[in-house]
Amino acid sequence: MPGADEDWLAQAVALAAKCPPSTAAFSVGAVVVAACGALLATGFSRETGPADHAEEAALAKLPGAVPAGATIYSSLEPCAARASRPRPCAELIIAAGLRRVVIAWREPPLFVPGGGAAVLQSAGADVIEIPALAAAARAPNAHLLG
């Protein structure tokens, strides 16, 4: 549902503003939602530690298996490569069983190459980009983007 997708993604974008500032990582928010529309978990970059990614933080809060048909909303394309941990967020999302990912903007190759959407799609995930929220998602990262 486009309206619901935009609302949930807007919540993920708002979470990015909670991120402790960093000159070495993006500020990102993530929300996991069941197919029935129930909020399952939220997370944001550096929420509990300096290397936390938003998707990783949200997935860690899930009480068990991800319900079929759940969606993860992320203000930034999930990473396909990562300097701080061995498994990038795209792999964590696939391993969790999520097959629907909604993002606001694609990761620019500032710290690592982008490409998370392609990794997710290769694994059978449906990746939806809502560019109308891209400017708001970039705002907490303006200091990185010049």
N, C-alpha and C. Protein backbone atom coordinates (compact mmCIF):
# COMPACT_ATOMS: atom_id res chain seq x y z
N MET A 1 0.84 -1.18 0.00
CA MET A 1 0.00 0.00 0.00
C MET A 1 0.88 1.24 0.00
N PRO A 2 0.84 2.01 -1.06
CA PRO A 2 1.72 3.17 -1.16
C PRO A 2 1.62 4.15 0.00
N GLY A 3 0.41 4.49 0.45
CA GLY A 3 0.27 5.43 1.56
C GLY A 3 0.89 4.91 2.84
N ALA A 4 0.67 3.63 3.14
CA ALA A 4 1.25 3.02 4.34
C ALA A 4 2.77 2.96 4.21
N ASP A 5 3.26 2.61 3.02
CA ASP A 5 4.70 2.56 2.82
C ASP A 5 5.33 3.92 3.09
N GLU A 6 4.73 4.98 2.59
CA GLU A 6 5.28 6.31 2.82
C GLU A 6 5.24 6.68 4.30
N ASP A 7 4.18 6.32 4.99
CA ASP A 7 4.07 6.64 6.42
C ASP A 7 5.13 5.90 7.24
N TRP A 8 5.30 4.60 6.97
CA TRP A 8 6.31 3.84 7.71
C TRP A 8 7.72 4.32 7.37
N LEU A 9 7.96 4.60 6.10
CA LEU A 9 9.28 5.09 5.71
C LEU A 9 9.56 6.45 6.34
N ALA A 10 8.55 7.29 6.45
CA ALA A 10 8.72 8.58 7.12
C ALA A 10 9.13 8.39 8.57
N GLN A 11 8.61 7.35 9.21
CA GLN A 11 9.02 7.06 10.59
C GLN A 11 10.48 6.64 10.64
N ALA A 12 10.91 5.83 9.67
CA ALA A 12 12.32 5.44 9.60
C ALA A 12 13.21 6.67 9.39
N VAL A 13 12.77 7.55 8.51
CA VAL A 13 13.53 8.79 8.24
C VAL A 13 13.63 9.62 9.51
N ALA A 14 12.55 9.72 10.28
CA ALA A 14 12.57 10.49 11.53
C ALA A 14 13.54 9.88 12.54
N LEU A 15 13.65 8.56 12.56
CA LEU A 15 14.59 7.90 13.48
C LEU A 15 16.04 8.27 13.17
N ALA A 16 16.35 8.54 11.92
CA ALA A 16 17.72 8.91 11.54
C ALA A 16 18.18 10.17 12.27
N ALA A 17 17.25 11.03 12.61
CA ALA A 17 17.61 12.26 13.34
C ALA A 17 18.07 11.97 14.76
N LYS A 18 17.78 10.78 15.28
CA LYS A 18 18.20 10.41 16.64
C LYS A 18 19.64 9.90 16.70
N CYS A 19 20.24 9.66 15.56
CA CYS A 19 21.58 9.08 15.51
C CYS A 19 22.62 10.02 16.11
N PRO A 20 23.50 9.49 16.95
CA PRO A 20 24.64 10.31 17.37
C PRO A 20 25.44 10.70 16.12
N PRO A 21 25.88 11.94 16.03
CA PRO A 21 26.61 12.38 14.84
C PRO A 21 27.89 11.57 14.61
N SER A 22 28.26 11.43 13.35
CA SER A 22 29.48 10.72 12.98
C SER A 22 30.04 11.33 11.71
N THR A 23 31.35 11.33 11.61
CA THR A 23 32.00 11.75 10.37
C THR A 23 32.41 10.55 9.55
N ALA A 24 32.14 9.34 10.07
CA ALA A 24 32.57 8.11 9.40
C ALA A 24 31.44 7.16 9.07
N ALA A 25 30.19 7.58 9.26
CA ALA A 25 29.06 6.69 8.97
C ALA A 25 27.79 7.51 8.75
N PHE A 26 26.89 6.94 7.97
CA PHE A 26 25.61 7.60 7.73
C PHE A 26 24.69 7.49 8.93
N SER A 27 23.78 8.43 9.04
CA SER A 27 22.71 8.39 10.03
C SER A 27 21.48 7.82 9.33
N VAL A 28 21.01 6.69 9.84
CA VAL A 28 19.94 5.93 9.19
C VAL A 28 18.93 5.48 10.23
N GLY A 29 17.68 5.41 9.84
CA GLY A 29 16.63 4.84 10.68
C GLY A 29 15.99 3.67 9.98
N ALA A 30 15.49 2.69 10.76
CA ALA A 30 14.85 1.51 10.19
C ALA A 30 13.65 1.11 11.03
N VAL A 31 12.63 0.59 10.36
CA VAL A 31 11.41 0.14 11.00
C VAL A 31 11.02 -1.20 10.37
N VAL A 32 10.67 -2.19 11.21
CA VAL A 32 10.19 -3.48 10.71
C VAL A 32 8.71 -3.58 11.04
N VAL A 33 7.92 -3.89 10.03
CA VAL A 33 6.45 -3.90 10.15
C VAL A 33 5.90 -5.22 9.62
N ALA A 34 4.99 -5.82 10.38
CA ALA A 34 4.33 -7.06 9.96
C ALA A 34 3.38 -6.77 8.80
N ALA A 35 3.01 -7.80 8.06
CA ALA A 35 2.10 -7.65 6.93
C ALA A 35 0.75 -7.08 7.37
N CYS A 36 0.35 -7.34 8.62
CA CYS A 36 -0.93 -6.83 9.13
C CYS A 36 -0.84 -5.36 9.52
N GLY A 37 0.37 -4.77 9.46
CA GLY A 37 0.55 -3.36 9.80
C GLY A 37 1.02 -3.12 11.22
N ALA A 38 1.34 -4.18 11.95
CA ALA A 38 1.83 -4.02 13.33
C ALA A 38 3.32 -3.70 13.33
N LEU A 39 3.69 -2.73 14.13
CA LEU A 39 5.09 -2.38 14.30
C LEU A 39 5.79 -3.49 15.07
N LEU A 40 6.89 -4.02 14.52
CA LEU A 40 7.63 -5.10 15.17
C LEU A 40 8.90 -4.60 15.86
N ALA A 41 9.60 -3.66 15.23
CA ALA A 41 10.86 -3.17 15.81
C ALA A 41 11.31 -1.91 15.08
N THR A 42 12.12 -1.13 15.78
CA THR A 42 12.74 0.05 15.20
C THR A 42 14.23 0.06 15.56
N GLY A 43 15.00 0.81 14.81
CA GLY A 43 16.41 0.95 15.13
C GLY A 43 16.99 2.15 14.41
N PHE A 44 18.11 2.62 14.90
CA PHE A 44 18.82 3.70 14.22
C PHE A 44 20.31 3.52 14.39
N SER A 45 21.07 4.11 13.51
CA SER A 45 22.53 3.98 13.53
C SER A 45 23.11 4.42 14.86
N ARG A 46 24.06 3.65 15.35
CA ARG A 46 24.78 3.94 16.60
C ARG A 46 23.85 3.97 17.82
N GLU A 47 22.73 3.27 17.73
CA GLU A 47 21.74 3.27 18.82
C GLU A 47 22.32 2.73 20.12
N THR A 48 23.03 1.61 20.05
CA THR A 48 23.59 1.02 21.28
C THR A 48 25.11 0.93 21.24
N GLY A 49 25.71 1.24 20.09
CA GLY A 49 27.16 1.19 19.98
C GLY A 49 27.62 1.91 18.74
N PRO A 50 28.89 2.29 18.68
CA PRO A 50 29.37 3.11 17.58
C PRO A 50 29.36 2.43 16.21
N ALA A 51 29.27 1.10 16.16
CA ALA A 51 29.27 0.40 14.88
C ALA A 51 27.89 -0.08 14.45
N ASP A 52 26.86 0.19 15.25
CA ASP A 52 25.51 -0.26 14.91
C ASP A 52 24.98 0.39 13.65
N HIS A 53 24.40 -0.42 12.79
CA HIS A 53 23.63 0.09 11.66
C HIS A 53 22.16 -0.01 12.02
N ALA A 54 21.34 0.83 11.43
CA ALA A 54 19.93 0.90 11.78
C ALA A 54 19.19 -0.42 11.57
N GLU A 55 19.39 -1.04 10.42
CA GLU A 55 18.70 -2.29 10.13
C GLU A 55 19.12 -3.37 11.12
N GLU A 56 20.41 -3.42 11.41
CA GLU A 56 20.95 -4.38 12.36
C GLU A 56 20.33 -4.17 13.75
N ALA A 57 20.22 -2.93 14.18
CA ALA A 57 19.63 -2.62 15.49
C ALA A 57 18.17 -3.03 15.54
N ALA A 58 17.42 -2.77 14.48
CA ALA A 58 16.01 -3.15 14.44
C ALA A 58 15.86 -4.67 14.44
N LEU A 59 16.63 -5.37 13.62
CA LEU A 59 16.53 -6.82 13.55
C LEU A 59 16.89 -7.48 14.88
N ALA A 60 17.82 -6.90 15.61
CA ALA A 60 18.24 -7.46 16.90
C ALA A 60 17.12 -7.39 17.94
N LYS A 61 16.17 -6.50 17.75
CA LYS A 61 15.07 -6.35 18.71
C LYS A 61 13.90 -7.28 18.45
N LEU A 62 13.91 -7.97 17.33
CA LEU A 62 12.81 -8.87 17.02
C LEU A 62 12.81 -10.03 18.01
N PRO A 63 11.64 -10.38 18.55
CA PRO A 63 11.57 -11.42 19.57
C PRO A 63 11.80 -12.83 19.05
N GLY A 64 11.70 -13.02 17.76
CA GLY A 64 11.89 -14.36 17.18
C GLY A 64 11.91 -14.25 15.68
N ALA A 65 11.37 -15.27 15.03
CA ALA A 65 11.34 -15.29 13.57
C ALA A 65 10.49 -14.14 13.03
N VAL A 66 10.93 -13.62 11.91
CA VAL A 66 10.18 -12.55 11.25
C VAL A 66 8.92 -13.16 10.63
N PRO A 67 7.76 -12.58 10.91
CA PRO A 67 6.53 -13.11 10.31
C PRO A 67 6.55 -12.99 8.79
N ALA A 68 5.99 -13.96 8.11
CA ALA A 68 5.92 -13.92 6.65
C ALA A 68 5.24 -12.64 6.20
N GLY A 69 5.79 -12.05 5.15
CA GLY A 69 5.20 -10.85 4.58
C GLY A 69 5.61 -9.55 5.26
N ALA A 70 6.49 -9.62 6.25
CA ALA A 70 6.94 -8.40 6.93
C ALA A 70 7.80 -7.56 5.99
N THR A 71 7.88 -6.28 6.30
CA THR A 71 8.65 -5.32 5.51
C THR A 71 9.62 -4.59 6.42
N ILE A 72 10.82 -4.32 5.91
CA ILE A 72 11.74 -3.43 6.61
C ILE A 72 11.82 -2.14 5.81
N TYR A 73 11.66 -1.04 6.52
CA TYR A 73 11.75 0.31 5.95
C TYR A 73 13.07 0.91 6.43
N SER A 74 13.85 1.42 5.52
CA SER A 74 15.14 2.01 5.87
C SER A 74 15.30 3.34 5.16
N SER A 75 15.76 4.33 5.89
CA SER A 75 15.93 5.64 5.27
C SER A 75 17.04 5.64 4.22
N LEU A 76 17.93 4.64 4.26
CA LEU A 76 19.02 4.51 3.29
C LEU A 76 19.08 3.06 2.83
N GLU A 77 19.43 2.86 1.60
CA GLU A 77 19.62 1.51 1.07
C GLU A 77 20.50 0.70 2.02
N PRO A 78 20.08 -0.51 2.42
CA PRO A 78 20.92 -1.34 3.29
C PRO A 78 22.28 -1.62 2.64
N CYS A 79 23.30 -1.65 3.47
CA CYS A 79 24.66 -1.82 2.95
C CYS A 79 24.88 -3.22 2.38
N ALA A 80 25.74 -3.28 1.35
CA ALA A 80 26.15 -4.54 0.74
C ALA A 80 27.56 -4.90 1.16
N ALA A 81 28.27 -3.93 1.69
CA ALA A 81 29.64 -4.13 2.20
C ALA A 81 29.76 -3.29 3.46
N ARG A 82 30.66 -3.72 4.31
CA ARG A 82 30.74 -3.05 5.59
C ARG A 82 32.15 -3.11 6.14
N ALA A 83 32.63 -2.02 6.68
CA ALA A 83 33.97 -1.97 7.23
C ALA A 83 33.99 -2.42 8.70
N SER A 84 32.89 -2.18 9.43
CA SER A 84 32.90 -2.38 10.88
C SER A 84 32.52 -3.78 11.37
N ARG A 85 31.84 -4.55 10.55
CA ARG A 85 31.40 -5.89 10.96
C ARG A 85 31.44 -6.82 9.75
N PRO A 86 31.49 -8.14 9.99
CA PRO A 86 31.63 -9.06 8.86
C PRO A 86 30.40 -9.21 7.97
N ARG A 87 29.19 -9.02 8.50
CA ARG A 87 27.99 -9.21 7.69
C ARG A 87 27.29 -7.88 7.44
N PRO A 88 27.15 -7.50 6.18
CA PRO A 88 26.44 -6.26 5.85
C PRO A 88 24.94 -6.43 6.08
N CYS A 89 24.24 -5.31 6.14
CA CYS A 89 22.81 -5.31 6.45
C CYS A 89 21.98 -6.05 5.41
N ALA A 90 22.35 -5.97 4.14
CA ALA A 90 21.60 -6.70 3.12
C ALA A 90 21.60 -8.19 3.43
N GLU A 91 22.72 -8.74 3.84
CA GLU A 91 22.80 -10.16 4.22
C GLU A 91 21.99 -10.45 5.47
N LEU A 92 22.03 -9.55 6.45
CA LEU A 92 21.25 -9.74 7.68
C LEU A 92 19.75 -9.76 7.38
N ILE A 93 19.33 -8.89 6.48
CA ILE A 93 17.91 -8.83 6.10
C ILE A 93 17.49 -10.12 5.41
N ILE A 94 18.30 -10.61 4.51
CA ILE A 94 18.01 -11.86 3.81
C ILE A 94 17.96 -13.01 4.81
N ALA A 95 18.95 -13.08 5.70
CA ALA A 95 19.00 -14.16 6.69
C ALA A 95 17.80 -14.13 7.63
N ALA A 96 17.26 -12.95 7.88
CA ALA A 96 16.09 -12.82 8.76
C ALA A 96 14.81 -13.26 8.07
N GLY A 97 14.85 -13.41 6.75
CA GLY A 97 13.68 -13.85 6.01
C GLY A 97 12.83 -12.73 5.46
N LEU A 98 13.30 -11.51 5.56
CA LEU A 98 12.55 -10.38 5.01
C LEU A 98 12.72 -10.37 3.49
N ARG A 99 11.61 -10.23 2.78
CA ARG A 99 11.66 -10.22 1.32
C ARG A 99 11.03 -8.96 0.73
N ARG A 100 10.79 -7.97 1.59
CA ARG A 100 10.25 -6.69 1.12
C ARG A 100 10.99 -5.59 1.85
N VAL A 101 11.63 -4.70 1.08
CA VAL A 101 12.46 -3.64 1.62
C VAL A 101 12.06 -2.33 0.95
N VAL A 102 11.79 -1.31 1.76
CA VAL A 102 11.40 -0.01 1.23
C VAL A 102 12.44 1.01 1.69
N ILE A 103 12.99 1.75 0.74
CA ILE A 103 14.07 2.70 1.04
C ILE A 103 13.73 4.09 0.50
N ALA A 104 14.42 5.09 1.07
CA ALA A 104 14.23 6.47 0.60
C ALA A 104 15.28 6.87 -0.43
N TRP A 105 16.52 6.38 -0.27
CA TRP A 105 17.58 6.74 -1.22
C TRP A 105 18.66 5.67 -1.23
N ARG A 106 19.40 5.63 -2.32
CA ARG A 106 20.47 4.65 -2.51
C ARG A 106 21.75 5.13 -1.85
N GLU A 107 22.50 4.20 -1.30
CA GLU A 107 23.73 4.54 -0.60
C GLU A 107 24.79 5.06 -1.57
N PRO A 108 25.26 6.29 -1.35
CA PRO A 108 26.36 6.79 -2.19
C PRO A 108 27.66 6.09 -1.78
N PRO A 109 28.60 5.91 -2.69
CA PRO A 109 29.84 5.19 -2.37
C PRO A 109 30.85 6.04 -1.61
N LEU A 110 30.42 6.60 -0.50
CA LEU A 110 31.29 7.46 0.29
C LEU A 110 32.24 6.65 1.19
N PHE A 111 31.72 5.64 1.88
CA PHE A 111 32.52 4.83 2.79
C PHE A 111 32.80 3.44 2.22
N VAL A 112 31.81 2.85 1.63
CA VAL A 112 31.92 1.56 0.95
C VAL A 112 31.06 1.65 -0.31
N PRO A 113 31.27 0.76 -1.27
CA PRO A 113 30.40 0.79 -2.45
C PRO A 113 28.95 0.53 -2.03
N GLY A 114 28.01 1.11 -2.74
CA GLY A 114 26.60 0.83 -2.49
C GLY A 114 26.27 -0.56 -3.03
N GLY A 115 25.04 -0.73 -3.46
CA GLY A 115 24.68 -1.99 -4.09
C GLY A 115 23.83 -2.92 -3.25
N GLY A 116 23.40 -2.49 -2.09
CA GLY A 116 22.57 -3.35 -1.25
C GLY A 116 21.27 -3.75 -1.90
N ALA A 117 20.67 -2.85 -2.67
CA ALA A 117 19.40 -3.17 -3.34
C ALA A 117 19.60 -4.33 -4.32
N ALA A 118 20.71 -4.33 -5.05
CA ALA A 118 20.98 -5.41 -6.00
C ALA A 118 21.19 -6.74 -5.28
N VAL A 119 21.87 -6.72 -4.15
CA VAL A 119 22.07 -7.94 -3.36
C VAL A 119 20.73 -8.48 -2.89
N LEU A 120 19.88 -7.59 -2.39
CA LEU A 120 18.56 -7.99 -1.92
C LEU A 120 17.72 -8.55 -3.07
N GLN A 121 17.73 -7.88 -4.19
CA GLN A 121 16.94 -8.34 -5.34
C GLN A 121 17.46 -9.68 -5.86
N SER A 122 18.75 -9.88 -5.84
CA SER A 122 19.33 -11.16 -6.27
C SER A 122 18.86 -12.31 -5.38
N ALA A 123 18.55 -12.00 -4.13
CA ALA A 123 18.07 -13.01 -3.18
C ALA A 123 16.55 -13.16 -3.23
N GLY A 124 15.90 -12.43 -4.13
CA GLY A 124 14.46 -12.55 -4.27
C GLY A 124 13.64 -11.52 -3.52
N ALA A 125 14.29 -10.53 -2.94
CA ALA A 125 13.56 -9.49 -2.22
C ALA A 125 13.02 -8.44 -3.18
N ASP A 126 11.88 -7.89 -2.83
CA ASP A 126 11.28 -6.79 -3.57
C ASP A 126 11.79 -5.50 -2.92
N VAL A 127 12.50 -4.68 -3.67
CA VAL A 127 13.04 -3.42 -3.16
C VAL A 127 12.27 -2.27 -3.80
N ILE A 128 11.69 -1.44 -2.95
CA ILE A 128 10.89 -0.31 -3.41
C ILE A 128 11.58 0.97 -2.94
N GLU A 129 11.82 1.88 -3.85
CA GLU A 129 12.44 3.17 -3.51
C GLU A 129 11.37 4.26 -3.59
N ILE A 130 11.31 5.08 -2.54
CA ILE A 130 10.36 6.20 -2.50
C ILE A 130 11.17 7.49 -2.49
N PRO A 131 11.53 7.99 -3.67
CA PRO A 131 12.40 9.16 -3.77
C PRO A 131 11.82 10.43 -3.17
N ALA A 132 10.50 10.48 -2.97
CA ALA A 132 9.89 11.67 -2.38
C ALA A 132 10.41 11.92 -0.96
N LEU A 133 10.95 10.89 -0.32
CA LEU A 133 11.48 11.05 1.04
C LEU A 133 13.00 11.12 1.07
N ALA A 134 13.64 11.11 -0.10
CA ALA A 134 15.10 11.10 -0.16
C ALA A 134 15.72 12.35 0.45
N ALA A 135 15.19 13.51 0.17
CA ALA A 135 15.78 14.75 0.71
C ALA A 135 15.73 14.75 2.24
N ALA A 136 14.62 14.31 2.81
CA ALA A 136 14.50 14.24 4.27
C ALA A 136 15.47 13.21 4.84
N ALA A 137 15.69 12.10 4.13
CA ALA A 137 16.61 11.07 4.59
C ALA A 137 18.07 11.53 4.49
N ARG A 138 18.36 12.38 3.51
CA ARG A 138 19.72 12.90 3.36
C ARG A 138 20.03 14.00 4.39
N ALA A 139 19.02 14.68 4.88
CA ALA A 139 19.22 15.84 5.76
C ALA A 139 20.14 15.56 6.96
N PRO A 140 19.96 14.47 7.72
CA PRO A 140 20.88 14.26 8.85
C PRO A 140 22.28 13.84 8.43
N ASN A 141 22.48 13.69 7.12
CA ASN A 141 23.78 13.32 6.58
C ASN A 141 24.42 14.44 5.77
N ALA A 142 23.85 15.63 5.84
CA ALA A 142 24.33 16.75 5.03
C ALA A 142 25.81 17.04 5.28
N HIS A 143 26.29 16.88 6.51
CA HIS A 143 27.68 17.14 6.82
C HIS A 143 28.63 16.18 6.10
N LEU A 144 28.12 15.02 5.69
CA LEU A 144 28.94 14.04 4.98
C LEU A 144 28.91 14.25 3.47
N LEU A 145 27.82 14.81 3.01
CA LEU A 145 27.57 14.90 1.57
C LEU A 145 28.08 16.19 0.93
N GLY A 146 28.49 17.14 1.77
CA GLY A 146 29.05 18.37 1.24
C GLY A 146 28.04 19.29 0.83
